[in-house]
Amino acid sequence: QMQGDIKEIKRDLRLLRDDIHRIRLEHEELVERV
């Protein structure tokens, strides 16, 4: 059960990391536009 929970946490972390990367790119683009 813990292995399954760890896999889910790792998946969530990857999604968060991807979201943060996307937000940073959007932020940089907005800064450039401003």
All heavy atoms as atom14 arrays in JSON, in Angstrom:
{
  "sequence": "QMQGDIKEIKRDLRLLRDDIHRIRLEHEELVERV",
  "atom14_mask": [
    [1, 1, 1, 1, 1, 1, 1, 1, 1, 0, 0, 0, 0, 0],
    [1, 1, 1, 1, 1, 1, 1, 1, 0, 0, 0, 0, 0, 0],
    [1, 1, 1, 1, 1, 1, 1, 1, 1, 0, 0, 0, 0, 0],
    [1, 1, 1, 1, 0, 0, 0, 0, 0, 0, 0, 0, 0, 0],
    [1, 1, 1, 1, 1, 1, 1, 1, 0, 0, 0, 0, 0, 0],
    [1, 1, 1, 1, 1, 1, 1, 1, 0, 0, 0, 0, 0, 0],
    [1, 1, 1, 1, 1, 1, 1, 1, 1, 0, 0, 0, 0, 0],
    [1, 1, 1, 1, 1, 1, 1, 1, 1, 0, 0, 0, 0, 0],
    [1, 1, 1, 1, 1, 1, 1, 1, 0, 0, 0, 0, 0, 0],
    [1, 1, 1, 1, 1, 1, 1, 1, 1, 0, 0, 0, 0, 0],
    [1, 1, 1, 1, 1, 1, 1, 1, 1, 1, 1, 0, 0, 0],
    [1, 1, 1, 1, 1, 1, 1, 1, 0, 0, 0, 0, 0, 0],
    [1, 1, 1, 1, 1, 1, 1, 1, 0, 0, 0, 0, 0, 0],
    [1, 1, 1, 1, 1, 1, 1, 1, 1, 1, 1, 0, 0, 0],
    [1, 1, 1, 1, 1, 1, 1, 1, 0, 0, 0, 0, 0, 0],
    [1, 1, 1, 1, 1, 1, 1, 1, 0, 0, 0, 0, 0, 0],
    [1, 1, 1, 1, 1, 1, 1, 1, 1, 1, 1, 0, 0, 0],
    [1, 1, 1, 1, 1, 1, 1, 1, 0, 0, 0, 0, 0, 0],
    [1, 1, 1, 1, 1, 1, 1, 1, 0, 0, 0, 0, 0, 0],
    [1, 1, 1, 1, 1, 1, 1, 1, 0, 0, 0, 0, 0, 0],
    [1, 1, 1, 1, 1, 1, 1, 1, 1, 1, 0, 0, 0, 0],
    [1, 1, 1, 1, 1, 1, 1, 1, 1, 1, 1, 0, 0, 0],
    [1, 1, 1, 1, 1, 1, 1, 1, 0, 0, 0, 0, 0, 0],
    [1, 1, 1, 1, 1, 1, 1, 1, 1, 1, 1, 0, 0, 0],
    [1, 1, 1, 1, 1, 1, 1, 1, 0, 0, 0, 0, 0, 0],
    [1, 1, 1, 1, 1, 1, 1, 1, 1, 0, 0, 0, 0, 0],
    [1, 1, 1, 1, 1, 1, 1, 1, 1, 1, 0, 0, 0, 0],
    [1, 1, 1, 1, 1, 1, 1, 1, 1, 0, 0, 0, 0, 0],
    [1, 1, 1, 1, 1, 1, 1, 1, 1, 0, 0, 0, 0, 0],
    [1, 1, 1, 1, 1, 1, 1, 1, 0, 0, 0, 0, 0, 0],
    [1, 1, 1, 1, 1, 1, 1, 0, 0, 0, 0, 0, 0, 0],
    [1, 1, 1, 1, 1, 1, 1, 1, 1, 0, 0, 0, 0, 0],
    [1, 1, 1, 1, 1, 1, 1, 1, 1, 1, 1, 0, 0, 0],
    [1, 1, 1, 1, 1, 1, 1, 0, 0, 0, 0, 0, 0, 0]
  ],
  "atom14_positions": [
    [[0.84, -1.21, 0.0], [0.0, 0.0, 0.0], [0.87, 1.25, 0.0], [0.6, 2.21, -0.73], [-0.93, 0.0, 1.21], [-1.84, 1.21, 1.28], [-2.7, 1.21, 2.53], [-2.56, 0.35, 3.4], [-3.58, 2.19, 2.64], [0.0, 0.0, 0.0], [0.0, 0.0, 0.0], [0.0, 0.0, 0.0], [0.0, 0.0, 0.0], [0.0, 0.0, 0.0]],
    [[1.94, 1.24, 0.79], [2.83, 2.39, 0.84], [3.51, 2.62, -0.5], [3.69, 3.76, -0.92], [3.86, 2.2, 1.95], [3.28, 2.35, 3.34], [4.44, 1.93, 4.66], [5.69, 3.16, 4.43], [0.0, 0.0, 0.0], [0.0, 0.0, 0.0], [0.0, 0.0, 0.0], [0.0, 0.0, 0.0], [0.0, 0.0, 0.0], [0.0, 0.0, 0.0]],
    [[3.87, 1.55, -1.2], [4.48, 1.69, -2.51], [3.51, 2.38, -3.47], [3.91, 3.26, -4.24], [4.88, 0.33, -3.07], [6.1, -0.25, -2.43], [6.41, -1.66, -2.94], [5.53, -2.35, -3.45], [7.66, -2.07, -2.79], [0.0, 0.0, 0.0], [0.0, 0.0, 0.0], [0.0, 0.0, 0.0], [0.0, 0.0, 0.0], [0.0, 0.0, 0.0]],
    [[2.24, 1.99, -3.4], [1.23, 2.65, -4.24], [1.09, 4.12, -3.88], [0.98, 4.97, -4.78], [0.0, 0.0, 0.0], [0.0, 0.0, 0.0], [0.0, 0.0, 0.0], [0.0, 0.0, 0.0], [0.0, 0.0, 0.0], [0.0, 0.0, 0.0], [0.0, 0.0, 0.0], [0.0, 0.0, 0.0], [0.0, 0.0, 0.0], [0.0, 0.0, 0.0]],
    [[1.08, 4.41, -2.59], [0.97, 5.81, -2.14], [2.17, 6.62, -2.61], [2.03, 7.77, -3.04], [0.86, 5.88, -0.62], [-0.45, 5.3, -0.09], [-1.39, 5.1, -0.89], [-0.52, 5.04, 1.13], [0.0, 0.0, 0.0], [0.0, 0.0, 0.0], [0.0, 0.0, 0.0], [0.0, 0.0, 0.0], [0.0, 0.0, 0.0], [0.0, 0.0, 0.0]],
    [[3.35, 6.04, -2.54], [4.57, 6.73, -2.96], [4.52, 7.02, -4.46], [4.9, 8.11, -4.91], [5.82, 5.93, -2.56], [6.01, 6.0, -1.06], [7.06, 6.44, -3.28], [7.06, 5.04, -0.52], [0.0, 0.0, 0.0], [0.0, 0.0, 0.0], [0.0, 0.0, 0.0], [0.0, 0.0, 0.0], [0.0, 0.0, 0.0], [0.0, 0.0, 0.0]],
    [[4.05, 6.05, -5.25], [3.93, 6.27, -6.7], [2.99, 7.43, -6.98], [3.26, 8.26, -7.85], [3.43, 5.0, -7.39], [4.47, 3.94, -7.54], [3.91, 2.72, -8.25], [4.97, 1.63, -8.34], [4.43, 0.41, -8.97], [0.0, 0.0, 0.0], [0.0, 0.0, 0.0], [0.0, 0.0, 0.0], [0.0, 0.0, 0.0], [0.0, 0.0, 0.0]],
    [[1.88, 7.49, -6.24], [0.92, 8.58, -6.43], [1.54, 9.93, -6.04], [1.36, 10.93, -6.74], [-0.33, 8.31, -5.59], [-1.43, 9.31, -5.85], [-2.7, 8.97, -5.08], [-2.87, 7.8, -4.68], [-3.52, 9.88, -4.89], [0.0, 0.0, 0.0], [0.0, 0.0, 0.0], [0.0, 0.0, 0.0], [0.0, 0.0, 0.0], [0.0, 0.0, 0.0]],
    [[2.28, 9.96, -4.95], [2.93, 11.19, -4.52], [3.96, 11.64, -5.56], [4.05, 12.82, -5.89], [3.59, 11.0, -3.14], [2.5, 10.87, -2.06], [4.54, 12.14, -2.81], [3.02, 10.42, -0.72], [0.0, 0.0, 0.0], [0.0, 0.0, 0.0], [0.0, 0.0, 0.0], [0.0, 0.0, 0.0], [0.0, 0.0, 0.0], [0.0, 0.0, 0.0]],
    [[4.72, 10.68, -6.1], [5.71, 11.03, -7.13], [5.02, 11.6, -8.37], [5.49, 12.58, -8.95], [6.52, 9.79, -7.53], [7.56, 9.39, -6.52], [8.34, 8.18, -7.02], [9.46, 7.8, -6.09], [10.2, 6.63, -6.59], [0.0, 0.0, 0.0], [0.0, 0.0, 0.0], [0.0, 0.0, 0.0], [0.0, 0.0, 0.0], [0.0, 0.0, 0.0]],
    [[3.89, 11.01, -8.75], [3.14, 11.53, -9.9], [2.66, 12.95, -9.63], [2.81, 13.84, -10.47], [1.95, 10.62, -10.19], [1.12, 11.07, -11.39], [-0.13, 10.23, -11.56], [-0.96, 10.19, -10.37], [-1.85, 11.13, -10.04], [-2.02, 12.19, -10.8], [-2.58, 11.02, -8.94], [0.0, 0.0, 0.0], [0.0, 0.0, 0.0], [0.0, 0.0, 0.0]],
    [[2.13, 13.18, -8.43], [1.66, 14.52, -8.07], [2.81, 15.53, -8.08], [2.65, 16.67, -8.53], [1.0, 14.51, -6.7], [-0.34, 13.77, -6.69], [-0.87, 13.5, -7.79], [-0.84, 13.45, -5.59], [0.0, 0.0, 0.0], [0.0, 0.0, 0.0], [0.0, 0.0, 0.0], [0.0, 0.0, 0.0], [0.0, 0.0, 0.0], [0.0, 0.0, 0.0]],
    [[3.97, 15.11, -7.6], [5.14, 16.01, -7.6], [5.57, 16.36, -9.02], [5.94, 17.5, -9.3], [6.3, 15.39, -6.83], [6.17, 15.39, -5.31], [7.31, 14.6, -4.68], [6.15, 16.8, -4.78], [0.0, 0.0, 0.0], [0.0, 0.0, 0.0], [0.0, 0.0, 0.0], [0.0, 0.0, 0.0], [0.0, 0.0, 0.0], [0.0, 0.0, 0.0]],
    [[5.54, 15.35, -9.91], [5.88, 15.63, -11.31], [4.9, 16.64, -11.91], [5.31, 17.56, -12.62], [5.88, 14.34, -12.13], [7.17, 13.56, -12.05], [7.25, 12.47, -13.11], [6.21, 11.46, -12.98], [6.26, 10.42, -12.16], [7.31, 10.24, -11.4], [5.28, 9.56, -12.11], [0.0, 0.0, 0.0], [0.0, 0.0, 0.0], [0.0, 0.0, 0.0]],
    [[3.62, 16.46, -11.61], [2.62, 17.39, -12.13], [2.85, 18.8, -11.57], [2.76, 19.79, -12.31], [1.21, 16.91, -11.78], [0.73, 15.65, -12.5], [-0.6, 15.18, -11.92], [0.61, 15.89, -13.99], [0.0, 0.0, 0.0], [0.0, 0.0, 0.0], [0.0, 0.0, 0.0], [0.0, 0.0, 0.0], [0.0, 0.0, 0.0], [0.0, 0.0, 0.0]],
    [[3.15, 18.89, -10.29], [3.44, 20.2, -9.68], [4.67, 20.84, -10.31], [4.68, 22.04, -10.6], [3.65, 20.05, -8.17], [2.39, 19.9, -7.33], [2.76, 19.54, -5.91], [1.56, 21.15, -7.37], [0.0, 0.0, 0.0], [0.0, 0.0, 0.0], [0.0, 0.0, 0.0], [0.0, 0.0, 0.0], [0.0, 0.0, 0.0], [0.0, 0.0, 0.0]],
    [[5.71, 20.03, -10.52], [6.93, 20.55, -11.12], [6.64, 21.06, -12.54], [7.1, 22.13, -12.93], [7.99, 19.44, -11.16], [9.37, 19.94, -11.48], [10.46, 18.91, -11.28], [10.1, 17.57, -11.69], [10.09, 16.5, -10.87], [10.43, 16.62, -9.62], [9.74, 15.31, -11.32], [0.0, 0.0, 0.0], [0.0, 0.0, 0.0], [0.0, 0.0, 0.0]],
    [[5.82, 20.32, -13.29], [5.45, 20.75, -14.64], [4.64, 22.05, -14.59], [4.86, 22.96, -15.41], [4.65, 19.67, -15.35], [5.47, 18.42, -15.66], [6.72, 18.5, -15.57], [4.87, 17.39, -15.98], [0.0, 0.0, 0.0], [0.0, 0.0, 0.0], [0.0, 0.0, 0.0], [0.0, 0.0, 0.0], [0.0, 0.0, 0.0], [0.0, 0.0, 0.0]],
    [[3.72, 22.13, -13.64], [2.91, 23.36, -13.49], [3.79, 24.55, -13.14], [3.62, 25.65, -13.7], [1.83, 23.17, -12.41], [0.69, 22.28, -12.85], [0.59, 21.98, -14.07], [-0.1, 21.87, -11.98], [0.0, 0.0, 0.0], [0.0, 0.0, 0.0], [0.0, 0.0, 0.0], [0.0, 0.0, 0.0], [0.0, 0.0, 0.0], [0.0, 0.0, 0.0]],
    [[4.73, 24.35, -12.23], [5.63, 25.45, -11.84], [6.46, 25.89, -13.03], [6.65, 27.1, -13.25], [6.52, 25.01, -10.65], [5.67, 24.9, -9.39], [7.67, 25.98, -10.44], [6.38, 24.26, -8.22], [0.0, 0.0, 0.0], [0.0, 0.0, 0.0], [0.0, 0.0, 0.0], [0.0, 0.0, 0.0], [0.0, 0.0, 0.0], [0.0, 0.0, 0.0]],
    [[6.94, 24.94, -13.8], [7.74, 25.28, -14.98], [6.9, 26.09, -15.98], [7.36, 27.12, -16.51], [8.27, 24.0, -15.64], [9.09, 24.25, -16.86], [10.35, 24.8, -16.8], [8.82, 24.03, -18.17], [10.82, 24.92, -18.03], [9.91, 24.45, -18.87], [0.0, 0.0, 0.0], [0.0, 0.0, 0.0], [0.0, 0.0, 0.0], [0.0, 0.0, 0.0]],
    [[5.66, 25.65, -16.2], [4.78, 26.37, -17.12], [4.48, 27.78, -16.61], [4.52, 28.76, -17.37], [3.47, 25.58, -17.28], [2.47, 26.22, -18.23], [1.18, 25.44, -18.29], [0.63, 25.07, -17.0], [-0.05, 25.89, -16.19], [-0.24, 27.14, -16.53], [-0.52, 25.47, -15.04], [0.0, 0.0, 0.0], [0.0, 0.0, 0.0], [0.0, 0.0, 0.0]],
    [[4.25, 27.91, -15.32], [3.96, 29.24, -14.74], [5.18, 30.14, -14.86], [5.05, 31.34, -15.17], [3.52, 29.09, -13.27], [2.13, 28.44, -13.22], [3.53, 30.42, -12.54], [1.69, 28.0, -11.83], [0.0, 0.0, 0.0], [0.0, 0.0, 0.0], [0.0, 0.0, 0.0], [0.0, 0.0, 0.0], [0.0, 0.0, 0.0], [0.0, 0.0, 0.0]],
    [[6.37, 29.6, -14.66], [7.58, 30.41, -14.82], [7.74, 30.91, -16.25], [8.09, 32.07, -16.48], [8.82, 29.61, -14.42], [9.01, 29.49, -12.95], [10.28, 28.74, -12.61], [10.45, 28.67, -11.17], [11.13, 27.73, -10.56], [11.73, 26.79, -11.25], [11.23, 27.74, -9.25], [0.0, 0.0, 0.0], [0.0, 0.0, 0.0], [0.0, 0.0, 0.0]],
    [[7.47, 30.03, -17.2], [7.56, 30.44, -18.6], [6.53, 31.53, -18.91], [6.85, 32.52, -19.59], [7.35, 29.24, -19.53], [8.47, 28.2, -19.54], [8.06, 27.01, -20.41], [9.77, 28.8, -20.01], [0.0, 0.0, 0.0], [0.0, 0.0, 0.0], [0.0, 0.0, 0.0], [0.0, 0.0, 0.0], [0.0, 0.0, 0.0], [0.0, 0.0, 0.0]],
    [[5.33, 31.35, -18.41], [4.29, 32.37, -18.62], [4.7, 33.68, -17.96], [4.49, 34.76, -18.53], [2.95, 31.88, -18.07], [2.33, 30.78, -18.88], [1.06, 30.23, -18.24], [0.65, 30.72, -17.16], [0.48, 29.29, -18.82], [0.0, 0.0, 0.0], [0.0, 0.0, 0.0], [0.0, 0.0, 0.0], [0.0, 0.0, 0.0], [0.0, 0.0, 0.0]],
    [[5.27, 33.61, -16.78], [5.71, 34.81, -16.08], [6.79, 35.54, -16.89], [6.74, 36.77, -17.05], [6.23, 34.44, -14.69], [6.77, 35.6, -13.94], [8.11, 35.87, -13.86], [6.14, 36.58, -13.24], [8.29, 36.96, -13.14], [7.11, 37.41, -12.74], [0.0, 0.0, 0.0], [0.0, 0.0, 0.0], [0.0, 0.0, 0.0], [0.0, 0.0, 0.0]],
    [[7.76, 34.78, -17.37], [8.83, 35.4, -18.17], [8.25, 36.06, -19.41], [8.66, 37.18, -19.78], [9.86, 34.34, -18.58], [10.73, 33.87, -17.44], [11.64, 32.71, -17.85], [11.69, 32.36, -19.06], [12.3, 32.15, -16.95], [0.0, 0.0, 0.0], [0.0, 0.0, 0.0], [0.0, 0.0, 0.0], [0.0, 0.0, 0.0], [0.0, 0.0, 0.0]],
    [[7.3, 35.39, -20.03], [6.67, 35.97, -21.23], [5.92, 37.25, -20.88], [6.02, 38.25, -21.61], [5.71, 34.95, -21.84], [5.02, 35.44, -23.1], [3.99, 34.44, -23.63], [4.11, 33.24, -23.33], [3.08, 34.9, -24.32], [0.0, 0.0, 0.0], [0.0, 0.0, 0.0], [0.0, 0.0, 0.0], [0.0, 0.0, 0.0], [0.0, 0.0, 0.0]],
    [[5.22, 37.24, -19.77], [4.48, 38.43, -19.37], [5.43, 39.58, -19.02], [5.17, 40.75, -19.36], [3.58, 38.12, -18.18], [2.35, 37.27, -18.48], [1.64, 36.87, -17.2], [1.4, 38.01, -19.41], [0.0, 0.0, 0.0], [0.0, 0.0, 0.0], [0.0, 0.0, 0.0], [0.0, 0.0, 0.0], [0.0, 0.0, 0.0], [0.0, 0.0, 0.0]],
    [[6.54, 39.26, -18.35], [7.53, 40.29, -18.02], [8.06, 40.9, -19.32], [8.18, 42.14, -19.43], [8.67, 39.71, -17.16], [9.84, 40.67, -17.08], [8.15, 39.37, -15.76], [0.0, 0.0, 0.0], [0.0, 0.0, 0.0], [0.0, 0.0, 0.0], [0.0, 0.0, 0.0], [0.0, 0.0, 0.0], [0.0, 0.0, 0.0], [0.0, 0.0, 0.0]],
    [[8.37, 40.08, -20.29], [8.88, 40.59, -21.58], [7.84, 41.47, -22.26], [8.18, 42.53, -22.8], [9.26, 39.42, -22.49], [10.52, 38.71, -22.07], [10.8, 37.47, -22.92], [10.07, 37.22, -23.92], [11.75, 36.74, -22.58], [0.0, 0.0, 0.0], [0.0, 0.0, 0.0], [0.0, 0.0, 0.0], [0.0, 0.0, 0.0], [0.0, 0.0, 0.0]],
    [[6.6, 41.06, -22.22], [5.54, 41.85, -22.87], [5.37, 43.21, -22.17], [5.18, 44.24, -22.81], [4.24, 41.07, -22.86], [4.29, 39.87, -23.81], [3.09, 38.98, -23.69], [1.89, 39.64, -24.19], [0.68, 39.12, -24.12], [0.51, 37.93, -23.55], [-0.35, 39.76, -24.59], [0.0, 0.0, 0.0], [0.0, 0.0, 0.0], [0.0, 0.0, 0.0]],
    [[5.43, 43.17, -20.82], [5.31, 44.42, -20.07], [6.49, 45.34, -20.4], [6.31, 46.56, -20.59], [5.24, 44.14, -18.55], [5.44, 45.41, -17.74], [3.9, 43.48, -18.19], [0.0, 0.0, 0.0], [0.0, 0.0, 0.0], [0.0, 0.0, 0.0], [0.0, 0.0, 0.0], [0.0, 0.0, 0.0], [0.0, 0.0, 0.0], [0.0, 0.0, 0.0]]
  ]
}
